[in-house]
Amino acid sequence: FDLHGRLLREVAVVTGQHFQGLRGAASHLRRQGRIRPSLARQLTRLDDTAAMLRHVSVVSAERLSEELTAALHGEDESGCGVCIGDSEGRHTDSGDGPLAGDGDDDIMQAVKAVQAQDVFVQA
C-alpha cells in the first residue's frame, strides 16, 4: 500500500486536489492531458489491486498457502480429481477444482494485472 499512498499524496500535492483513489486521480489527469492513457490504466490497476488487497485477511492468505502446499505435496483433502499432470509432471487444473468460482478469481486477476504492469505493491 506504500506505493499507492505515495502516488495519491503526490497527485494531491501537485494538483491541489484530493481524490478518493488513484482511479479518480488517473481519470482526472488523463482528461486534462497530463498523463498518457497507458499510465492512467496502470494507476487504475494499482488502485483496484490496493482495494482488493485491503480485504485479503491474514486468515484467508494462510488458508490459500496451506491449500497450495497440501496440493503440491499430494495431501489435497478436496479430492481434487481434476488435477492432471503435463508431460513434465506439472499439475494443471481443468477449472473445476477447489479454487474455481469461490472468489479467488479476483485475487488472481489482481495479481496478473500487477505482474503485467510491473507494479509492486508493498503491504
N, C-alpha and C. Protein backbone atom coordinates (compact mmCIF):
# COMPACT_ATOMS: atom_id res chain seq x y z
N PHE A 1 0.82 -1.19 0.00
CA PHE A 1 0.00 0.00 0.00
C PHE A 1 0.86 1.25 0.00
N ASP A 2 2.13 1.08 0.26
CA ASP A 2 3.04 2.22 0.34
C ASP A 2 3.06 2.99 -0.98
N LEU A 3 3.21 2.29 -2.09
CA LEU A 3 3.25 2.93 -3.40
C LEU A 3 1.93 3.63 -3.69
N HIS A 4 0.82 2.97 -3.42
CA HIS A 4 -0.50 3.54 -3.66
C HIS A 4 -0.65 4.87 -2.91
N GLY A 5 -0.35 4.86 -1.63
CA GLY A 5 -0.48 6.08 -0.82
C GLY A 5 0.47 7.17 -1.25
N ARG A 6 1.69 6.78 -1.58
CA ARG A 6 2.69 7.77 -2.00
C ARG A 6 2.26 8.47 -3.29
N LEU A 7 1.78 7.69 -4.26
CA LEU A 7 1.35 8.28 -5.53
C LEU A 7 0.12 9.16 -5.34
N LEU A 8 -0.82 8.72 -4.51
CA LEU A 8 -2.02 9.50 -4.27
C LEU A 8 -1.68 10.83 -3.59
N ARG A 9 -0.75 10.80 -2.64
CA ARG A 9 -0.32 12.05 -1.98
C ARG A 9 0.40 12.97 -2.96
N GLU A 10 1.21 12.39 -3.84
CA GLU A 10 1.93 13.22 -4.82
C GLU A 10 0.97 13.92 -5.76
N VAL A 11 -0.05 13.20 -6.22
CA VAL A 11 -1.06 13.80 -7.09
C VAL A 11 -1.76 14.94 -6.36
N ALA A 12 -2.09 14.74 -5.08
CA ALA A 12 -2.78 15.77 -4.30
C ALA A 12 -1.91 17.02 -4.15
N VAL A 13 -0.62 16.82 -3.90
CA VAL A 13 0.28 17.96 -3.73
C VAL A 13 0.41 18.74 -5.03
N VAL A 14 0.60 18.04 -6.14
CA VAL A 14 0.83 18.69 -7.43
C VAL A 14 -0.43 19.37 -7.96
N THR A 15 -1.58 18.70 -7.81
CA THR A 15 -2.83 19.25 -8.37
C THR A 15 -3.57 20.17 -7.40
N GLY A 16 -3.27 20.03 -6.11
CA GLY A 16 -4.00 20.79 -5.11
C GLY A 16 -5.39 20.24 -4.87
N GLN A 17 -5.66 19.04 -5.38
CA GLN A 17 -6.96 18.39 -5.21
C GLN A 17 -6.76 17.04 -4.54
N HIS A 18 -7.73 16.67 -3.72
CA HIS A 18 -7.68 15.37 -3.08
C HIS A 18 -8.65 14.43 -3.77
N PHE A 19 -8.20 13.23 -4.03
CA PHE A 19 -9.01 12.22 -4.70
C PHE A 19 -9.21 11.04 -3.76
N GLN A 20 -10.33 10.35 -3.92
CA GLN A 20 -10.61 9.18 -3.10
C GLN A 20 -9.64 8.05 -3.39
N GLY A 21 -9.19 7.95 -4.62
CA GLY A 21 -8.27 6.89 -5.00
C GLY A 21 -7.54 7.25 -6.28
N LEU A 22 -6.65 6.38 -6.67
CA LEU A 22 -5.87 6.61 -7.89
C LEU A 22 -6.73 6.51 -9.14
N ARG A 23 -7.81 5.76 -9.09
CA ARG A 23 -8.70 5.66 -10.24
C ARG A 23 -9.26 7.04 -10.59
N GLY A 24 -9.78 7.74 -9.61
CA GLY A 24 -10.32 9.08 -9.84
C GLY A 24 -9.24 10.06 -10.25
N ALA A 25 -8.08 9.97 -9.61
CA ALA A 25 -6.97 10.85 -9.95
C ALA A 25 -6.50 10.60 -11.38
N ALA A 26 -6.40 9.33 -11.75
CA ALA A 26 -5.95 8.99 -13.10
C ALA A 26 -6.93 9.49 -14.15
N SER A 27 -8.20 9.32 -13.88
CA SER A 27 -9.23 9.79 -14.81
C SER A 27 -9.14 11.30 -15.00
N HIS A 28 -9.01 12.00 -13.90
CA HIS A 28 -8.90 13.46 -13.95
C HIS A 28 -7.66 13.91 -14.72
N LEU A 29 -6.52 13.31 -14.40
CA LEU A 29 -5.27 13.68 -15.06
C LEU A 29 -5.28 13.32 -16.55
N ARG A 30 -5.90 12.20 -16.88
CA ARG A 30 -5.99 11.80 -18.29
C ARG A 30 -6.86 12.78 -19.08
N ARG A 31 -8.00 13.17 -18.51
CA ARG A 31 -8.88 14.14 -19.19
C ARG A 31 -8.19 15.48 -19.39
N GLN A 32 -7.31 15.84 -18.46
CA GLN A 32 -6.56 17.09 -18.59
C GLN A 32 -5.39 16.96 -19.58
N GLY A 33 -5.09 15.75 -19.99
CA GLY A 33 -3.97 15.52 -20.90
C GLY A 33 -2.63 15.54 -20.20
N ARG A 34 -2.64 15.38 -18.88
CA ARG A 34 -1.39 15.43 -18.11
C ARG A 34 -0.68 14.08 -18.05
N ILE A 35 -1.43 12.99 -18.30
CA ILE A 35 -0.80 11.66 -18.32
C ILE A 35 -1.32 10.89 -19.53
N ARG A 36 -0.50 9.93 -19.97
CA ARG A 36 -0.87 9.07 -21.09
C ARG A 36 -1.97 8.10 -20.66
N PRO A 37 -2.78 7.64 -21.61
CA PRO A 37 -3.81 6.64 -21.28
C PRO A 37 -3.21 5.36 -20.66
N SER A 38 -2.04 4.95 -21.11
CA SER A 38 -1.43 3.74 -20.56
C SER A 38 -1.04 3.94 -19.09
N LEU A 39 -0.59 5.14 -18.73
CA LEU A 39 -0.27 5.42 -17.33
C LEU A 39 -1.55 5.47 -16.50
N ALA A 40 -2.60 6.02 -17.07
CA ALA A 40 -3.90 6.05 -16.37
C ALA A 40 -4.38 4.63 -16.09
N ARG A 41 -4.24 3.73 -17.06
CA ARG A 41 -4.63 2.32 -16.86
C ARG A 41 -3.79 1.68 -15.75
N GLN A 42 -2.51 1.98 -15.75
CA GLN A 42 -1.62 1.42 -14.74
C GLN A 42 -2.03 1.91 -13.34
N LEU A 43 -2.32 3.18 -13.21
CA LEU A 43 -2.75 3.72 -11.92
C LEU A 43 -4.09 3.12 -11.49
N THR A 44 -4.98 2.93 -12.45
CA THR A 44 -6.28 2.32 -12.15
C THR A 44 -6.10 0.89 -11.67
N ARG A 45 -5.22 0.15 -12.31
CA ARG A 45 -4.97 -1.23 -11.89
C ARG A 45 -4.35 -1.27 -10.50
N LEU A 46 -3.44 -0.35 -10.22
CA LEU A 46 -2.85 -0.29 -8.89
C LEU A 46 -3.91 0.03 -7.85
N ASP A 47 -4.81 0.96 -8.16
CA ASP A 47 -5.88 1.32 -7.25
C ASP A 47 -6.79 0.12 -6.98
N ASP A 48 -7.15 -0.60 -8.05
CA ASP A 48 -8.00 -1.79 -7.90
C ASP A 48 -7.30 -2.86 -7.06
N THR A 49 -6.01 -3.05 -7.31
CA THR A 49 -5.24 -4.05 -6.58
C THR A 49 -5.15 -3.69 -5.10
N ALA A 50 -4.86 -2.43 -4.81
CA ALA A 50 -4.77 -2.00 -3.42
C ALA A 50 -6.11 -2.17 -2.71
N ALA A 51 -7.20 -1.86 -3.41
CA ALA A 51 -8.54 -2.02 -2.82
C ALA A 51 -8.81 -3.49 -2.50
N MET A 52 -8.44 -4.37 -3.41
CA MET A 52 -8.66 -5.79 -3.19
C MET A 52 -7.77 -6.31 -2.06
N LEU A 53 -6.52 -5.88 -2.04
CA LEU A 53 -5.59 -6.35 -1.01
C LEU A 53 -6.00 -5.91 0.39
N ARG A 54 -6.69 -4.79 0.50
CA ARG A 54 -7.17 -4.36 1.81
C ARG A 54 -8.14 -5.36 2.41
N HIS A 55 -8.76 -6.16 1.54
CA HIS A 55 -9.77 -7.11 2.00
C HIS A 55 -9.24 -8.54 2.15
N VAL A 56 -7.98 -8.75 1.81
CA VAL A 56 -7.39 -10.07 1.97
C VAL A 56 -6.88 -10.16 3.40
N SER A 57 -7.45 -11.05 4.16
CA SER A 57 -7.06 -11.18 5.56
C SER A 57 -5.88 -12.14 5.70
N VAL A 58 -5.26 -12.07 6.84
CA VAL A 58 -4.16 -13.00 7.14
C VAL A 58 -4.70 -14.43 7.13
N VAL A 59 -5.91 -14.61 7.62
CA VAL A 59 -6.51 -15.95 7.67
C VAL A 59 -6.72 -16.49 6.27
N SER A 60 -7.29 -15.69 5.36
CA SER A 60 -7.53 -16.19 4.01
C SER A 60 -6.21 -16.42 3.27
N ALA A 61 -5.21 -15.58 3.52
CA ALA A 61 -3.91 -15.78 2.89
C ALA A 61 -3.27 -17.07 3.39
N GLU A 62 -3.37 -17.33 4.68
CA GLU A 62 -2.81 -18.56 5.25
C GLU A 62 -3.56 -19.78 4.71
N ARG A 63 -4.88 -19.68 4.58
CA ARG A 63 -5.68 -20.79 4.04
C ARG A 63 -5.24 -21.11 2.62
N LEU A 64 -5.04 -20.09 1.81
CA LEU A 64 -4.61 -20.29 0.43
C LEU A 64 -3.23 -20.93 0.39
N SER A 65 -2.33 -20.46 1.25
CA SER A 65 -0.99 -21.02 1.32
C SER A 65 -1.02 -22.49 1.72
N GLU A 66 -1.81 -22.80 2.74
CA GLU A 66 -1.91 -24.19 3.20
C GLU A 66 -2.52 -25.09 2.12
N GLU A 67 -3.51 -24.58 1.41
CA GLU A 67 -4.16 -25.36 0.36
C GLU A 67 -3.17 -25.68 -0.77
N LEU A 68 -2.39 -24.68 -1.15
CA LEU A 68 -1.40 -24.90 -2.21
C LEU A 68 -0.33 -25.90 -1.75
N THR A 69 0.17 -25.72 -0.53
CA THR A 69 1.19 -26.63 -0.01
C THR A 69 0.67 -28.07 0.01
N ALA A 70 -0.56 -28.25 0.49
CA ALA A 70 -1.15 -29.59 0.54
C ALA A 70 -1.28 -30.17 -0.87
N ALA A 71 -1.72 -29.37 -1.81
CA ALA A 71 -1.89 -29.86 -3.18
C ALA A 71 -0.56 -30.24 -3.80
N LEU A 72 0.47 -29.44 -3.56
CA LEU A 72 1.79 -29.72 -4.13
C LEU A 72 2.42 -30.98 -3.54
N HIS A 73 2.06 -31.29 -2.30
CA HIS A 73 2.62 -32.46 -1.64
C HIS A 73 1.68 -33.66 -1.69
N GLY A 74 0.65 -33.57 -2.52
CA GLY A 74 -0.26 -34.69 -2.68
C GLY A 74 -1.15 -34.94 -1.49
N GLU A 75 -1.33 -33.93 -0.66
CA GLU A 75 -2.14 -34.09 0.54
C GLU A 75 -3.45 -33.32 0.41
N ASP A 76 -3.85 -33.02 -0.80
CA ASP A 76 -5.04 -32.23 -1.04
C ASP A 76 -6.27 -32.98 -0.57
N GLU A 77 -6.94 -32.47 0.44
CA GLU A 77 -8.10 -33.13 1.03
C GLU A 77 -9.37 -32.90 0.23
N SER A 78 -9.31 -32.05 -0.77
CA SER A 78 -10.52 -31.72 -1.52
C SER A 78 -10.87 -32.81 -2.51
N GLY A 79 -10.01 -33.81 -2.65
CA GLY A 79 -10.26 -34.85 -3.63
C GLY A 79 -10.20 -34.27 -5.02
N CYS A 80 -9.17 -33.50 -5.27
CA CYS A 80 -9.04 -32.72 -6.49
C CYS A 80 -9.57 -33.48 -7.70
N GLY A 81 -9.01 -34.60 -8.00
CA GLY A 81 -9.54 -35.43 -9.07
C GLY A 81 -9.49 -34.81 -10.45
N VAL A 82 -9.48 -33.48 -10.52
CA VAL A 82 -9.45 -32.83 -11.83
C VAL A 82 -8.05 -32.33 -12.15
N CYS A 83 -7.13 -32.50 -11.22
CA CYS A 83 -5.77 -32.09 -11.48
C CYS A 83 -5.11 -33.14 -12.37
N ILE A 84 -4.43 -32.68 -13.38
CA ILE A 84 -3.75 -33.58 -14.30
C ILE A 84 -2.31 -33.14 -14.44
N GLY A 85 -1.44 -34.05 -14.73
CA GLY A 85 -0.05 -33.70 -14.93
C GLY A 85 0.24 -33.55 -16.42
N ASP A 86 1.10 -32.59 -16.73
CA ASP A 86 1.51 -32.47 -18.13
C ASP A 86 2.70 -33.39 -18.36
N SER A 87 3.30 -33.30 -19.52
CA SER A 87 4.38 -34.22 -19.87
C SER A 87 5.62 -34.03 -18.98
N GLU A 88 5.72 -32.89 -18.29
CA GLU A 88 6.87 -32.65 -17.43
C GLU A 88 6.52 -32.82 -15.95
N GLY A 89 5.33 -33.36 -15.67
CA GLY A 89 4.97 -33.63 -14.28
C GLY A 89 4.34 -32.46 -13.56
N ARG A 90 4.13 -31.32 -14.24
CA ARG A 90 3.49 -30.18 -13.60
C ARG A 90 1.99 -30.41 -13.58
N HIS A 91 1.34 -29.92 -12.54
CA HIS A 91 -0.10 -30.09 -12.43
C HIS A 91 -0.83 -28.91 -13.05
N THR A 92 -1.93 -29.23 -13.68
CA THR A 92 -2.82 -28.20 -14.19
C THR A 92 -4.19 -28.50 -13.66
N ASP A 93 -5.09 -27.54 -13.77
CA ASP A 93 -6.43 -27.72 -13.23
C ASP A 93 -7.41 -27.47 -14.36
N SER A 94 -8.43 -28.29 -14.46
CA SER A 94 -9.40 -28.15 -15.54
C SER A 94 -10.34 -26.99 -15.33
N GLY A 95 -10.27 -26.34 -14.16
CA GLY A 95 -11.16 -25.23 -13.88
C GLY A 95 -12.31 -25.61 -12.97
N ASP A 96 -12.42 -26.91 -12.64
CA ASP A 96 -13.49 -27.36 -11.76
C ASP A 96 -12.97 -27.68 -10.36
N GLY A 97 -11.74 -27.32 -10.09
CA GLY A 97 -11.11 -27.70 -8.84
C GLY A 97 -11.52 -26.83 -7.66
N PRO A 98 -10.79 -26.98 -6.57
CA PRO A 98 -11.16 -26.33 -5.33
C PRO A 98 -11.13 -24.81 -5.39
N LEU A 99 -10.38 -24.21 -6.30
CA LEU A 99 -10.32 -22.75 -6.38
C LEU A 99 -11.30 -22.17 -7.37
N ALA A 100 -11.93 -22.99 -8.15
CA ALA A 100 -12.81 -22.48 -9.20
C ALA A 100 -14.07 -21.87 -8.61
N GLY A 101 -14.35 -20.64 -8.99
CA GLY A 101 -15.60 -19.99 -8.67
C GLY A 101 -15.84 -19.67 -7.22
N ASP A 102 -14.80 -19.60 -6.39
CA ASP A 102 -15.05 -19.29 -4.98
C ASP A 102 -14.54 -17.91 -4.58
N GLY A 103 -14.39 -17.01 -5.54
CA GLY A 103 -13.97 -15.66 -5.22
C GLY A 103 -12.48 -15.42 -5.39
N ASP A 104 -11.70 -16.47 -5.56
CA ASP A 104 -10.26 -16.30 -5.71
C ASP A 104 -9.90 -15.76 -7.09
N ASP A 105 -10.86 -15.75 -8.03
CA ASP A 105 -10.60 -15.20 -9.35
C ASP A 105 -10.20 -13.74 -9.25
N ASP A 106 -10.82 -12.99 -8.33
CA ASP A 106 -10.47 -11.59 -8.15
C ASP A 106 -9.01 -11.44 -7.74
N ILE A 107 -8.57 -12.32 -6.85
CA ILE A 107 -7.18 -12.27 -6.40
C ILE A 107 -6.25 -12.53 -7.57
N MET A 108 -6.55 -13.57 -8.35
CA MET A 108 -5.69 -13.92 -9.47
C MET A 108 -5.67 -12.83 -10.53
N GLN A 109 -6.81 -12.20 -10.79
CA GLN A 109 -6.87 -11.12 -11.77
C GLN A 109 -6.02 -9.94 -11.30
N ALA A 110 -6.11 -9.61 -10.03
CA ALA A 110 -5.32 -8.51 -9.49
C ALA A 110 -3.83 -8.81 -9.57
N VAL A 111 -3.46 -10.03 -9.22
CA VAL A 111 -2.05 -10.42 -9.28
C VAL A 111 -1.54 -10.34 -10.72
N LYS A 112 -2.34 -10.86 -11.67
CA LYS A 112 -1.93 -10.82 -13.07
C LYS A 112 -1.82 -9.38 -13.57
N ALA A 113 -2.72 -8.51 -13.13
CA ALA A 113 -2.66 -7.11 -13.55
C ALA A 113 -1.39 -6.45 -13.04
N VAL A 114 -1.04 -6.74 -11.79
CA VAL A 114 0.17 -6.17 -11.21
C VAL A 114 1.40 -6.70 -11.94
N GLN A 115 1.43 -8.01 -12.18
CA GLN A 115 2.57 -8.60 -12.87
C GLN A 115 2.71 -8.06 -14.28
N ALA A 116 1.60 -7.86 -14.96
CA ALA A 116 1.63 -7.38 -16.35
C ALA A 116 2.16 -5.97 -16.44
N GLN A 117 1.97 -5.19 -15.40
CA GLN A 117 2.39 -3.79 -15.43
C GLN A 117 3.69 -3.56 -14.66
N ASP A 118 4.28 -4.61 -14.15
CA ASP A 118 5.49 -4.49 -13.33
C ASP A 118 5.31 -3.49 -12.20
N VAL A 119 4.15 -3.51 -11.58
CA VAL A 119 3.85 -2.65 -10.44
C VAL A 119 3.91 -3.50 -9.20
N PHE A 120 4.64 -3.05 -8.20
CA PHE A 120 4.75 -3.81 -6.97
C PHE A 120 4.12 -3.02 -5.85
N VAL A 121 3.25 -3.67 -5.11
CA VAL A 121 2.55 -3.03 -4.00
C VAL A 121 3.10 -3.62 -2.72
N GLN A 122 3.59 -2.76 -1.84
CA GLN A 122 4.08 -3.21 -0.55
C GLN A 122 2.95 -3.13 0.45
N ALA A 123 2.64 -4.23 1.10
CA ALA A 123 1.57 -4.22 2.11
C ALA A 123 2.16 -3.96 3.47
